[in-house]
Amino acid sequence: MPVFAMLANVSGAPLMLTALALLFSNSYGGMVTHYGGAAGPVIFGVGYNDIKSWWLVGAVLTILTFLVHITIGIWWWNMLIDWNML
């Protein structure tokens, strides 16, 4: 992530907006797989879920989160920029 933040900063993108975008997109990997987040291996190791259901639910949650980030997130960031908070 530091490399992407540096490249965005050099290209003139707002640093706070870039950091927030990178942080929000970082959550996708933890949602999809049973080994992507810190709690995933523990929950999977106990046997609450099988791999197929984990990946299916993870894919659905990732798509829903992406849609929220694209719709509400972009609107919210524009509001923050208009209020000079970013």
C-alpha atoms as a PDB file:
ATOM      1  CA  MET A   1       0.000   0.000   0.000  1.00  0.00           C
ATOM      2  CA  PRO A   2       2.766   2.536   0.624  1.00  0.00           C
ATOM      3  CA  VAL A   3       3.869   2.228  -3.003  1.00  0.00           C
ATOM      4  CA  PHE A   4       0.356   2.935  -4.283  1.00  0.00           C
ATOM      5  CA  ALA A   5       0.012   5.894  -1.903  1.00  0.00           C
ATOM      6  CA  MET A   6       3.341   7.295  -3.093  1.00  0.00           C
ATOM      7  CA  LEU A   7       2.373   6.900  -6.762  1.00  0.00           C
ATOM      8  CA  ALA A   8      -0.957   8.616  -6.144  1.00  0.00           C
ATOM      9  CA  ASN A   9       0.761  11.437  -4.266  1.00  0.00           C
ATOM     10  CA  VAL A  10       3.290  11.954  -7.077  1.00  0.00           C
ATOM     11  CA  SER A  11       0.491  12.037  -9.644  1.00  0.00           C
ATOM     12  CA  GLY A  12      -1.316  14.766  -7.690  1.00  0.00           C
ATOM     13  CA  ALA A  13      -4.182  12.809  -6.142  1.00  0.00           C
ATOM     14  CA  PRO A  14      -5.427  13.986  -2.735  1.00  0.00           C
ATOM     15  CA  LEU A  15      -3.499  12.068  -0.083  1.00  0.00           C
ATOM     16  CA  MET A  16      -6.366  11.582   2.388  1.00  0.00           C
ATOM     17  CA  LEU A  17      -8.745  10.393  -0.323  1.00  0.00           C
ATOM     18  CA  THR A  18      -6.116   7.982  -1.615  1.00  0.00           C
ATOM     19  CA  ALA A  19      -5.468   6.604   1.862  1.00  0.00           C
ATOM     20  CA  LEU A  20      -9.177   6.054   2.486  1.00  0.00           C
ATOM     21  CA  ALA A  21      -9.649   4.340  -0.879  1.00  0.00           C
ATOM     22  CA  LEU A  22      -6.727   2.004  -0.215  1.00  0.00           C
ATOM     23  CA  LEU A  23      -7.933   1.220   3.303  1.00  0.00           C
ATOM     24  CA  PHE A  24     -11.488   0.460   2.197  1.00  0.00           C
ATOM     25  CA  SER A  25     -10.331  -1.741  -0.675  1.00  0.00           C
ATOM     26  CA  ASN A  26      -8.063  -3.647   1.716  1.00  0.00           C
ATOM     27  CA  SER A  27     -11.108  -5.258   3.344  1.00  0.00           C
ATOM     28  CA  TYR A  28     -12.092  -7.181   0.214  1.00  0.00           C
ATOM     29  CA  GLY A  29      -9.393  -9.824   0.605  1.00  0.00           C
ATOM     30  CA  GLY A  30     -10.422 -10.606   4.160  1.00  0.00           C
ATOM     31  CA  MET A  31     -14.048 -11.062   3.164  1.00  0.00           C
ATOM     32  CA  VAL A  32     -13.632 -13.457   0.275  1.00  0.00           C
ATOM     33  CA  THR A  33     -11.360 -16.184   1.605  1.00  0.00           C
ATOM     34  CA  HIS A  34     -11.179 -18.237   4.778  1.00  0.00           C
ATOM     35  CA  TYR A  35      -7.524 -17.273   5.218  1.00  0.00           C
ATOM     36  CA  GLY A  36      -7.641 -13.568   4.260  1.00  0.00           C
ATOM     37  CA  GLY A  37      -8.507 -12.115   7.655  1.00  0.00           C
ATOM     38  CA  ALA A  38      -7.237 -12.611  11.175  1.00  0.00           C
ATOM     39  CA  ALA A  39     -10.340 -14.353  12.532  1.00  0.00           C
ATOM     40  CA  GLY A  40     -10.933 -16.483   9.439  1.00  0.00           C
ATOM     41  CA  PRO A  41      -8.523 -19.347  10.183  1.00  0.00           C
ATOM     42  CA  VAL A  42      -9.818 -19.650  13.747  1.00  0.00           C
ATOM     43  CA  ILE A  43     -13.485 -19.772  12.715  1.00  0.00           C
ATOM     44  CA  PHE A  44     -12.746 -22.097   9.805  1.00  0.00           C
ATOM     45  CA  GLY A  45     -10.507 -24.338  11.926  1.00  0.00           C
ATOM     46  CA  VAL A  46     -13.261 -24.935  14.476  1.00  0.00           C
ATOM     47  CA  GLY A  47     -15.484 -26.191  11.679  1.00  0.00           C
ATOM     48  CA  TYR A  48     -18.335 -23.693  11.634  1.00  0.00           C
ATOM     49  CA  ASN A  49     -18.238 -23.413   7.840  1.00  0.00           C
ATOM     50  CA  ASP A  50     -17.039 -25.425   4.894  1.00  0.00           C
ATOM     51  CA  ILE A  51     -14.957 -23.860   2.125  1.00  0.00           C
ATOM     52  CA  LYS A  52     -17.777 -23.699  -0.433  1.00  0.00           C
ATOM     53  CA  SER A  53     -20.173 -21.798   1.822  1.00  0.00           C
ATOM     54  CA  TRP A  54     -17.376 -19.520   3.067  1.00  0.00           C
ATOM     55  CA  TRP A  55     -16.378 -18.501  -0.458  1.00  0.00           C
ATOM     56  CA  LEU A  56     -20.014 -18.095  -1.537  1.00  0.00           C
ATOM     57  CA  VAL A  57     -20.935 -15.859   1.396  1.00  0.00           C
ATOM     58  CA  GLY A  58     -17.620 -14.026   1.042  1.00  0.00           C
ATOM     59  CA  ALA A  59     -18.248 -13.316  -2.632  1.00  0.00           C
ATOM     60  CA  VAL A  60     -21.756 -12.010  -1.940  1.00  0.00           C
ATOM     61  CA  LEU A  61     -20.538  -9.786   0.907  1.00  0.00           C
ATOM     62  CA  THR A  62     -17.665  -8.489  -1.199  1.00  0.00           C
ATOM     63  CA  ILE A  63     -20.003  -7.546  -4.045  1.00  0.00           C
ATOM     64  CA  LEU A  64     -22.417  -5.842  -1.644  1.00  0.00           C
ATOM     65  CA  THR A  65     -19.593  -3.944   0.053  1.00  0.00           C
ATOM     66  CA  PHE A  66     -18.211  -2.873  -3.311  1.00  0.00           C
ATOM     67  CA  LEU A  67     -21.635  -1.576  -4.341  1.00  0.00           C
ATOM     68  CA  VAL A  68     -21.933   0.387  -1.088  1.00  0.00           C
ATOM     69  CA  HIS A  69     -18.470   1.871  -1.612  1.00  0.00           C
ATOM     70  CA  ILE A  70     -19.284   2.839  -5.195  1.00  0.00           C
ATOM     71  CA  THR A  71     -22.715   4.353  -4.480  1.00  0.00           C
ATOM     72  CA  ILE A  72     -22.807   5.755  -0.960  1.00  0.00           C
ATOM     73  CA  GLY A  73     -19.041   6.074  -0.597  1.00  0.00           C
ATOM     74  CA  ILE A  74     -18.493   8.279  -3.626  1.00  0.00           C
ATOM     75  CA  TRP A  75     -21.432  10.496  -2.630  1.00  0.00           C
ATOM     76  CA  TRP A  76     -20.101  10.757   0.940  1.00  0.00           C
ATOM     77  CA  TRP A  77     -16.567  11.590  -0.192  1.00  0.00           C
ATOM     78  CA  ASN A  78     -17.933  14.327  -2.455  1.00  0.00           C
ATOM     79  CA  MET A  79     -19.828  15.757   0.510  1.00  0.00           C
ATOM     80  CA  LEU A  80     -16.660  15.715   2.630  1.00  0.00           C
ATOM     81  CA  ILE A  81     -14.718  17.460  -0.126  1.00  0.00           C
ATOM     82  CA  ASP A  82     -17.456  20.094  -0.456  1.00  0.00           C
ATOM     83  CA  TRP A  83     -17.307  20.710   3.310  1.00  0.00           C
ATOM     84  CA  ASN A  84     -13.476  21.022   3.115  1.00  0.00           C
ATOM     85  CA  MET A  85     -12.993  18.037   5.418  1.00  0.00           C
ATOM     86  CA  LEU A  86     -10.776  16.116   2.975  1.00  0.00           C
END
